């Protein structure tokens, strides 16, 4: 398995985890669970999404640094990659 497919699998795993956690939050709200439980679970969803986004940006940065022409497969400049990264902050 190459690094690109490993990164894709890691992102998908994080997104699936977030999807399950979000379904849990929806169920908790429907069941009338307390604010503390709902917010704690919602924070976990947010963290999983952030980690997926960071992994995507980090993979693009790595591809950009290792490509012969210094460009990523998405043809993003370093400024564009920086903006993507900061959008997650």
PDB file of N, CA and C in Angstrom:
ATOM      1  N   UNK A   1       0.851  -1.178   0.000  1.00  0.00           N
ATOM      2  CA  UNK A   1       0.000   0.000   0.000  1.00  0.00           C
ATOM      3  C   UNK A   1       0.896   1.241   0.000  1.00  0.00           C
ATOM      4  N   UNK A   2       0.595   2.188  -0.895  1.00  0.00           N
ATOM      5  CA  UNK A   2       1.426   3.383  -0.968  1.00  0.00           C
ATOM      6  C   UNK A   2       0.948   4.435   0.028  1.00  0.00           C
ATOM      7  N   UNK A   3       1.776   5.461   0.188  1.00  0.00           N
ATOM      8  CA  UNK A   3       1.478   6.498   1.189  1.00  0.00           C
ATOM      9  C   UNK A   3       0.175   7.232   0.886  1.00  0.00           C
ATOM     10  N   UNK A   4      -0.096   7.463  -0.399  1.00  0.00           N
ATOM     11  CA  UNK A   4      -1.315   8.186  -0.770  1.00  0.00           C
ATOM     12  C   UNK A   4      -2.567   7.404  -0.379  1.00  0.00           C
ATOM     13  N   UNK A   5      -2.582   6.106  -0.642  1.00  0.00           N
ATOM     14  CA  UNK A   5      -3.763   5.327  -0.280  1.00  0.00           C
ATOM     15  C   UNK A   5      -3.863   5.142   1.233  1.00  0.00           C
ATOM     16  N   UNK A   6      -2.731   5.100   1.931  1.00  0.00           N
ATOM     17  CA  UNK A   6      -2.756   5.039   3.395  1.00  0.00           C
ATOM     18  C   UNK A   6      -3.347   6.320   3.963  1.00  0.00           C
ATOM     19  N   UNK A   7      -2.960   7.459   3.389  1.00  0.00           N
ATOM     20  CA  UNK A   7      -3.495   8.738   3.854  1.00  0.00           C
ATOM     21  C   UNK A   7      -4.995   8.808   3.576  1.00  0.00           C
ATOM     22  N   UNK A   8      -5.411   8.368   2.394  1.00  0.00           N
ATOM     23  CA  UNK A   8      -6.835   8.369   2.047  1.00  0.00           C
ATOM     24  C   UNK A   8      -7.618   7.488   3.007  1.00  0.00           C
ATOM     25  N   UNK A   9      -7.086   6.309   3.302  1.00  0.00           N
ATOM     26  CA  UNK A   9      -7.758   5.397   4.235  1.00  0.00           C
ATOM     27  C   UNK A   9      -7.856   6.000   5.633  1.00  0.00           C
ATOM     28  N   UNK A  10      -6.811   6.708   6.061  1.00  0.00           N
ATOM     29  CA  UNK A  10      -6.833   7.350   7.379  1.00  0.00           C
ATOM     30  C   UNK A  10      -7.894   8.450   7.430  1.00  0.00           C
ATOM     31  N   UNK A  11      -7.997   9.224   6.355  1.00  0.00           N
ATOM     32  CA  UNK A  11      -9.011  10.285   6.296  1.00  0.00           C
ATOM     33  C   UNK A  11     -10.409   9.674   6.319  1.00  0.00           C
ATOM     34  N   UNK A  12     -10.619   8.643   5.521  1.00  0.00           N
ATOM     35  CA  UNK A  12     -11.935   7.991   5.485  1.00  0.00           C
ATOM     36  C   UNK A  12     -12.300   7.403   6.843  1.00  0.00           C
ATOM     37  N   UNK A  13     -11.324   6.822   7.526  1.00  0.00           N
ATOM     38  CA  UNK A  13     -11.573   6.262   8.854  1.00  0.00           C
ATOM     39  C   UNK A  13     -12.005   7.358   9.826  1.00  0.00           C
ATOM     40  N   UNK A  14     -11.338   8.495   9.774  1.00  0.00           N
ATOM     41  CA  UNK A  14     -11.695   9.605  10.660  1.00  0.00           C
ATOM     42  C   UNK A  14     -13.074  10.162  10.328  1.00  0.00           C
ATOM     43  N   UNK A  15     -13.375  10.264   9.037  1.00  0.00           N
ATOM     44  CA  UNK A  15     -14.687  10.778   8.638  1.00  0.00           C
ATOM     45  C   UNK A  15     -15.808   9.816   9.018  1.00  0.00           C
ATOM     46  N   UNK A  16     -15.550   8.526   8.888  1.00  0.00           N
ATOM     47  CA  UNK A  16     -16.564   7.540   9.303  1.00  0.00           C
ATOM     48  C   UNK A  16     -16.784   7.585  10.816  1.00  0.00           C
ATOM     49  N   UNK A  17     -15.711   7.783  11.557  1.00  0.00           N
ATOM     50  CA  UNK A  17     -15.827   7.914  13.008  1.00  0.00           C
ATOM     51  C   UNK A  17     -16.667   9.143  13.343  1.00  0.00           C
ATOM     52  N   UNK A  18     -16.406  10.253  12.666  1.00  0.00           N
ATOM     53  CA  UNK A  18     -17.173  11.476  12.896  1.00  0.00           C
ATOM     54  C   UNK A  18     -18.637  11.272  12.526  1.00  0.00           C
ATOM     55  N   UNK A  19     -18.876  10.544  11.457  1.00  0.00           N
ATOM     56  CA  UNK A  19     -20.251  10.267  11.038  1.00  0.00           C
ATOM     57  C   UNK A  19     -20.996   9.482  12.116  1.00  0.00           C
ATOM     58  N   UNK A  20     -20.348   8.491  12.683  1.00  0.00           N
ATOM     59  CA  UNK A  20     -20.957   7.717  13.762  1.00  0.00           C
ATOM     60  C   UNK A  20     -21.190   8.556  15.004  1.00  0.00           C
ATOM     61  N   UNK A  21     -20.220   9.404  15.323  1.00  0.00           N
ATOM     62  CA  UNK A  21     -20.366  10.270  16.485  1.00  0.00           C
ATOM     63  C   UNK A  21     -21.495  11.280  16.283  1.00  0.00           C
ATOM     64  N   UNK A  22     -21.621  11.796  15.064  1.00  0.00           N
ATOM     65  CA  UNK A  22     -22.691  12.743  14.781  1.00  0.00           C
ATOM     66  C   UNK A  22     -24.056  12.065  14.889  1.00  0.00           C
ATOM     67  N   UNK A  23     -24.152  10.846  14.418  1.00  0.00           N
ATOM     68  CA  UNK A  23     -25.401  10.099  14.577  1.00  0.00           C
ATOM     69  C   UNK A  23     -25.713   9.915  16.057  1.00  0.00           C
ATOM     70  N   UNK A  24     -24.672   9.700  16.853  1.00  0.00           N
ATOM     71  CA  UNK A  24     -24.860   9.588  18.295  1.00  0.00           C
ATOM     72  C   UNK A  24     -25.370  10.880  18.915  1.00  0.00           C
ATOM     73  N   UNK A  25     -24.835  12.010  18.462  1.00  0.00           N
ATOM     74  CA  UNK A  25     -25.287  13.310  18.965  1.00  0.00           C
ATOM     75  C   UNK A  25     -26.759  13.522  18.623  1.00  0.00           C
ATOM     76  N   UNK A  26     -27.126  13.217  17.404  1.00  0.00           N
ATOM     77  CA  UNK A  26     -28.522  13.372  16.982  1.00  0.00           C
ATOM     78  C   UNK A  26     -29.432  12.510  17.855  1.00  0.00           C
ATOM     79  N   UNK A  27     -29.012  11.270  18.087  1.00  0.00           N
ATOM     80  CA  UNK A  27     -29.788  10.382  18.947  1.00  0.00           C
ATOM     81  C   UNK A  27     -29.890  10.895  20.369  1.00  0.00           C
ATOM     82  N   UNK A  28     -28.799  11.460  20.869  1.00  0.00           N
ATOM     83  CA  UNK A  28     -28.804  11.997  22.222  1.00  0.00           C
ATOM     84  C   UNK A  28     -29.789  13.158  22.350  1.00  0.00           C
ATOM     85  N   UNK A  29     -29.806  14.023  21.351  1.00  0.00           N
ATOM     86  CA  UNK A  29     -30.739  15.153  21.376  1.00  0.00           C
ATOM     87  C   UNK A  29     -32.170  14.650  21.282  1.00  0.00           C
ATOM     88  N   UNK A  30     -32.407  13.696  20.404  1.00  0.00           N
ATOM     89  CA  UNK A  30     -33.751  13.129  20.270  1.00  0.00           C
ATOM     90  C   UNK A  30     -34.221  12.468  21.556  1.00  0.00           C
ATOM     91  N   UNK A  31     -33.276  11.874  22.300  1.00  0.00           N
ATOM     92  CA  UNK A  31     -33.604  11.209  23.563  1.00  0.00           C
ATOM     93  C   UNK A  31     -33.660  12.174  24.747  1.00  0.00           C
ATOM     94  N   UNK A  32     -33.351  13.438  24.505  1.00  0.00           N
ATOM     95  CA  UNK A  32     -33.414  14.430  25.581  1.00  0.00           C
ATOM     96  C   UNK A  32     -32.263  14.353  26.559  1.00  0.00           C
ATOM     97  N   UNK A  33     -31.101  13.878  26.113  1.00  0.00           N
ATOM     98  CA  UNK A  33     -29.940  13.776  27.003  1.00  0.00           C
ATOM     99  C   UNK A  33     -29.474  15.151  27.440  1.00  0.00           C
ATOM    100  N   UNK A  34     -28.723  15.180  28.503  1.00  0.00           N
ATOM    101  CA  UNK A  34     -28.255  16.424  29.091  1.00  0.00           C
ATOM    102  C   UNK A  34     -27.250  17.165  28.237  1.00  0.00           C
ATOM    103  N   UNK A  35     -27.174  18.441  28.482  1.00  0.00           N
ATOM    104  CA  UNK A  35     -26.307  19.342  27.736  1.00  0.00           C
ATOM    105  C   UNK A  35     -24.848  18.889  27.777  1.00  0.00           C
ATOM    106  N   UNK A  36     -24.353  18.523  28.956  1.00  0.00           N
ATOM    107  CA  UNK A  36     -22.950  18.126  29.103  1.00  0.00           C
ATOM    108  C   UNK A  36     -22.613  16.939  28.194  1.00  0.00           C
ATOM    109  N   UNK A  37     -23.468  15.922  28.190  1.00  0.00           N
ATOM    110  CA  UNK A  37     -23.220  14.749  27.349  1.00  0.00           C
ATOM    111  C   UNK A  37     -23.236  15.103  25.862  1.00  0.00           C
ATOM    112  N   UNK A  38     -24.210  15.918  25.463  1.00  0.00           N
ATOM    113  CA  UNK A  38     -24.353  16.297  24.056  1.00  0.00           C
ATOM    114  C   UNK A  38     -23.142  17.116  23.606  1.00  0.00           C
ATOM    115  N   UNK A  39     -22.753  18.103  24.398  1.00  0.00           N
ATOM    116  CA  UNK A  39     -21.634  18.967  24.024  1.00  0.00           C
ATOM    117  C   UNK A  39     -20.324  18.181  23.993  1.00  0.00           C
ATOM    118  N   UNK A  40     -20.144  17.269  24.934  1.00  0.00           N
ATOM    119  CA  UNK A  40     -18.937  16.439  24.943  1.00  0.00           C
ATOM    120  C   UNK A  40     -18.841  15.609  23.668  1.00  0.00           C
ATOM    121  N   UNK A  41     -19.945  15.003  23.277  1.00  0.00           N
ATOM    122  CA  UNK A  41     -19.952  14.187  22.065  1.00  0.00           C
ATOM    123  C   UNK A  41     -19.791  15.058  20.820  1.00  0.00           C
ATOM    124  N   UNK A  42     -20.398  16.228  20.823  1.00  0.00           N
ATOM    125  CA  UNK A  42     -20.270  17.149  19.694  1.00  0.00           C
ATOM    126  C   UNK A  42     -18.823  17.620  19.540  1.00  0.00           C
ATOM    127  N   UNK A  43     -18.134  17.834  20.648  1.00  0.00           N
ATOM    128  CA  UNK A  43     -16.717  18.209  20.599  1.00  0.00           C
ATOM    129  C   UNK A  43     -15.889  17.093  19.970  1.00  0.00           C
ATOM    130  N   UNK A  44     -16.239  15.842  20.247  1.00  0.00           N
ATOM    131  CA  UNK A  44     -15.538  14.710  19.642  1.00  0.00           C
ATOM    132  C   UNK A  44     -15.747  14.681  18.130  1.00  0.00           C
ATOM    133  N   UNK A  45     -16.962  15.005  17.683  1.00  0.00           N
ATOM    134  CA  UNK A  45     -17.246  15.075  16.243  1.00  0.00           C
ATOM    135  C   UNK A  45     -16.380  16.156  15.604  1.00  0.00           C
ATOM    136  N   UNK A  46     -16.349  17.309  16.232  1.00  0.00           N
ATOM    137  CA  UNK A  46     -15.576  18.425  15.705  1.00  0.00           C
ATOM    138  C   UNK A  46     -14.088  18.074  15.609  1.00  0.00           C
ATOM    139  N   UNK A  47     -13.571  17.423  16.635  1.00  0.00           N
ATOM    140  CA  UNK A  47     -12.159  17.039  16.645  1.00  0.00           C
ATOM    141  C   UNK A  47     -11.859  16.025  15.543  1.00  0.00           C
ATOM    142  N   UNK A  48     -12.752  15.073  15.326  1.00  0.00           N
ATOM    143  CA  UNK A  48     -12.550  14.083  14.269  1.00  0.00           C
ATOM    144  C   UNK A  48     -12.544  14.749  12.897  1.00  0.00           C
ATOM    145  N   UNK A  49     -13.425  15.717  12.685  1.00  0.00           N
ATOM    146  CA  UNK A  49     -13.458  16.444  11.412  1.00  0.00           C
ATOM    147  C   UNK A  49     -12.198  17.280  11.223  1.00  0.00           C
ATOM    148  N   UNK A  50     -11.756  17.943  12.298  1.00  0.00           N
ATOM    149  CA  UNK A  50     -10.527  18.729  12.220  1.00  0.00           C
ATOM    150  C   UNK A  50      -9.342  17.847  11.852  1.00  0.00           C
ATOM    151  N   UNK A  51      -9.251  16.700  12.483  1.00  0.00           N
ATOM    152  CA  UNK A  51      -8.138  15.792  12.208  1.00  0.00           C
ATOM    153  C   UNK A  51      -8.160  15.290  10.767  1.00  0.00           C
ATOM    154  N   UNK A  52      -9.337  15.032  10.236  1.00  0.00           N
ATOM    155  CA  UNK A  52      -9.445  14.625   8.839  1.00  0.00           C
ATOM    156  C   UNK A  52      -8.966  15.756   7.931  1.00  0.00           C
ATOM    157  N   UNK A  53      -9.390  16.975   8.222  1.00  0.00           N
ATOM    158  CA  UNK A  53      -8.952  18.121   7.427  1.00  0.00           C
ATOM    159  C   UNK A  53      -7.455  18.336   7.501  1.00  0.00           C
ATOM    160  N   UNK A  54      -6.889  18.236   8.701  1.00  0.00           N
ATOM    161  CA  UNK A  54      -5.447  18.394   8.864  1.00  0.00           C
ATOM    162  C   UNK A  54      -4.696  17.320   8.075  1.00  0.00           C
ATOM    163  N   UNK A  55      -5.207  16.111   8.084  1.00  0.00           N
ATOM    164  CA  UNK A  55      -4.557  15.022   7.351  1.00  0.00           C
ATOM    165  C   UNK A  55      -4.571  15.304   5.854  1.00  0.00           C
ATOM    166  N   UNK A  56      -5.676  15.817   5.348  1.00  0.00           N
ATOM    167  CA  UNK A  56      -5.769  16.148   3.930  1.00  0.00           C
ATOM    168  C   UNK A  56      -4.755  17.236   3.572  1.00  0.00           C
ATOM    169  N   UNK A  57      -4.695  18.296   4.372  1.00  0.00           N
ATOM    170  CA  UNK A  57      -3.766  19.390   4.102  1.00  0.00           C
ATOM    171  C   UNK A  57      -2.326  18.913   4.240  1.00  0.00           C
ATOM    172  N   UNK A  58      -2.032  18.142   5.278  1.00  0.00           N
ATOM    173  CA  UNK A  58      -0.669  17.646   5.484  1.00  0.00           C
ATOM    174  C   UNK A  58      -0.229  16.760   4.329  1.00  0.00           C
ATOM    175  N   UNK A  59      -1.122  15.932   3.829  1.00  0.00           N
ATOM    176  CA  UNK A  59      -0.799  15.066   2.699  1.00  0.00           C
ATOM    177  C   UNK A  59      -0.512  15.908   1.464  1.00  0.00           C
ATOM    178  N   UNK A  60      -1.302  16.943   1.239  1.00  0.00           N
ATOM    179  CA  UNK A  60      -1.067  17.835   0.093  1.00  0.00           C
ATOM    180  C   UNK A  60       0.272  18.542   0.223  1.00  0.00           C
ATOM    181  N   UNK A  61       0.597  18.984   1.434  1.00  0.00           N
ATOM    182  CA  UNK A  61       1.887  19.643   1.651  1.00  0.00           C
ATOM    183  C   UNK A  61       3.040  18.686   1.360  1.00  0.00           C
ATOM    184  N   UNK A  62       2.899  17.464   1.803  1.00  0.00           N
ATOM    185  CA  UNK A  62       3.953  16.482   1.581  1.00  0.00           C
ATOM    186  C   UNK A  62       4.104  16.197   0.096  1.00  0.00           C
ATOM    187  N   UNK A  63       2.988  16.044  -0.611  1.00  0.00           N
ATOM    188  CA  UNK A  63       3.049  15.803  -2.045  1.00  0.00           C
ATOM    189  C   UNK A  63       3.689  16.989  -2.754  1.00  0.00           C
ATOM    190  N   UNK A  64       3.358  18.182  -2.331  1.00  0.00           N
ATOM    191  CA  UNK A  64       3.910  19.397  -2.930  1.00  0.00           C
ATOM    192  C   UNK A  64       5.424  19.442  -2.748  1.00  0.00           C
ATOM    193  N   UNK A  65       5.885  19.099  -1.550  1.00  0.00           N
ATOM    194  CA  UNK A  65       7.310  19.150  -1.259  1.00  0.00           C
ATOM    195  C   UNK A  65       8.087  18.076  -2.011  1.00  0.00           C
ATOM    196  N   UNK A  66       7.452  16.956  -2.332  1.00  0.00           N
ATOM    197  CA  UNK A  66       8.169  15.857  -2.958  1.00  0.00           C
ATOM    198  C   UNK A  66       7.994  15.798  -4.467  1.00  0.00           C
ATOM    199  N   UNK A  67       7.091  16.603  -5.041  1.00  0.00           N
ATOM    200  CA  UNK A  67       6.919  16.565  -6.490  1.00  0.00           C
ATOM    201  C   UNK A  67       8.084  17.277  -7.172  1.00  0.00           C
ATOM    202  N   UNK A  68       8.371  16.860  -8.391  1.00  0.00           N
ATOM    203  CA  UNK A  68       9.513  17.416  -9.116  1.00  0.00           C
ATOM    204  C   UNK A  68       9.369  18.903  -9.386  1.00  0.00           C
ATOM    205  N   UNK A  69       8.155  19.338  -9.707  1.00  0.00           N
ATOM    206  CA  UNK A  69       7.952  20.738 -10.061  1.00  0.00           C
ATOM    207  C   UNK A  69       7.513  21.593  -8.878  1.00  0.00           C
ATOM    208  N   UNK A  70       7.423  20.993  -7.686  1.00  0.00           N
ATOM    209  CA  UNK A  70       7.045  21.747  -6.504  1.00  0.00           C
ATOM    210  C   UNK A  70       5.566  22.055  -6.415  1.00  0.00           C
ATOM    211  N   UNK A  71       4.751  21.403  -7.203  1.00  0.00           N
ATOM    212  CA  UNK A  71       3.305  21.621  -7.193  1.00  0.00           C
ATOM    213  C   UNK A  71       2.624  20.331  -6.740  1.00  0.00           C
ATOM    214  N   UNK A  72       1.503  20.477  -6.048  1.00  0.00           N
ATOM    215  CA  UNK A  72       0.745  19.319  -5.602  1.00  0.00           C
ATOM    216  C   UNK A  72      -0.119  18.814  -6.741  1.00  0.00           C
ATOM    217  N   UNK A  73      -0.706  17.652  -6.546  1.00  0.00           N
ATOM    218  CA  UNK A  73      -1.570  17.086  -7.577  1.00  0.00           C
ATOM    219  C   UNK A  73      -2.796  17.951  -7.812  1.00  0.00           C
ATOM    220  N   UNK A  74      -3.191  18.757  -6.825  1.00  0.00           N
ATOM    221  CA  UNK A  74      -4.329  19.673  -6.982  1.00  0.00           C
ATOM    222  C   UNK A  74      -3.870  21.020  -7.528  1.00  0.00           C
ATOM    223  N   UNK A  75      -2.566  21.156  -7.814  1.00  0.00           N
ATOM    224  CA  UNK A  75      -2.003  22.371  -8.368  1.00  0.00           C
ATOM    225  C   UNK A  75      -2.233  23.568  -7.448  1.00  0.00           C
ATOM    226  N   UNK A  76      -2.000  23.368  -6.148  1.00  0.00           N
ATOM    227  CA  UNK A  76      -2.178  24.428  -5.157  1.00  0.00           C
ATOM    228  C   UNK A  76      -0.839  25.101  -4.876  1.00  0.00           C
ATOM    229  N   UNK A  77      -0.862  26.412  -4.777  1.00  0.00           N
ATOM    230  CA  UNK A  77       0.342  27.140  -4.392  1.00  0.00           C
ATOM    231  C   UNK A  77       0.543  26.994  -2.890  1.00  0.00           C
ATOM    232  N   UNK A  78       1.723  27.361  -2.418  1.00  0.00           N
ATOM    233  CA  UNK A  78       1.969  27.286  -0.979  1.00  0.00           C
ATOM    234  C   UNK A  78       1.040  28.234  -0.228  1.00  0.00           C
ATOM    235  N   UNK A  79       0.702  29.372  -0.850  1.00  0.00           N
ATOM    236  CA  UNK A  79      -0.226  30.314  -0.211  1.00  0.00           C
ATOM    237  C   UNK A  79      -1.623  29.697  -0.088  1.00  0.00           C
ATOM    238  N   UNK A  80      -2.041  28.989  -1.128  1.00  0.00           N
ATOM    239  CA  UNK A  80      -3.359  28.336  -1.095  1.00  0.00           C
ATOM    240  C   UNK A  80      -3.393  27.233  -0.049  1.00  0.00           C
ATOM    241  N   UNK A  81      -2.299  26.470   0.055  1.00  0.00           N
ATOM    242  CA  UNK A  81      -2.225  25.429   1.078  1.00  0.00           C
ATOM    243  C   UNK A  81      -2.265  26.043   2.476  1.00  0.00           C
ATOM    244  N   UNK A  82      -1.574  27.165   2.647  1.00  0.00           N
ATOM    245  CA  UNK A  82      -1.591  27.847   3.937  1.00  0.00           C
ATOM    246  C   UNK A  82      -3.011  28.302   4.286  1.00  0.00           C
ATOM    247  N   UNK A  83      -3.728  28.854   3.314  1.00  0.00           N
ATOM    248  CA  UNK A  83      -5.101  29.289   3.555  1.00  0.00           C
ATOM    249  C   UNK A  83      -5.977  28.111   3.928  1.00  0.00           C
ATOM    250  N   UNK A  84      -5.801  26.970   3.258  1.00  0.00           N
ATOM    251  CA  UNK A  84      -6.580  25.783   3.606  1.00  0.00           C
ATOM    252  C   UNK A  84      -6.296  25.358   5.038  1.00  0.00           C
ATOM    253  N   UNK A  85      -5.025  25.340   5.394  1.00  0.00           N
ATOM    254  CA  UNK A  85      -4.627  24.941   6.739  1.00  0.00           C
ATOM    255  C   UNK A  85      -5.242  25.885   7.776  1.00  0.00           C
ATOM    256  N   UNK A  86      -5.136  27.185   7.526  1.00  0.00           N
ATOM    257  CA  UNK A  86      -5.675  28.156   8.471  1.00  0.00           C
ATOM    258  C   UNK A  86      -7.181  28.128   8.543  1.00  0.00           C
ATOM    259  N   UNK A  87      -7.846  27.698   7.485  1.00  0.00           N
ATOM    260  CA  UNK A  87      -9.306  27.585   7.508  1.00  0.00           C
ATOM    261  C   UNK A  87      -9.756  26.562   8.536  1.00  0.00           C
ATOM    262  N   UNK A  88      -8.889  25.624   8.873  1.00  0.00           N
ATOM    263  CA  UNK A  88      -9.220  24.593   9.853  1.00  0.00           C
ATOM    264  C   UNK A  88      -8.913  25.030  11.279  1.00  0.00           C
ATOM    265  N   UNK A  89      -8.150  26.099  11.425  1.00  0.00           N
ATOM    266  CA  UNK A  89      -7.745  26.545  12.756  1.00  0.00           C
ATOM    267  C   UNK A  89      -8.853  27.279  13.473  1.00  0.00           C
TER     268      UNK A  89
END
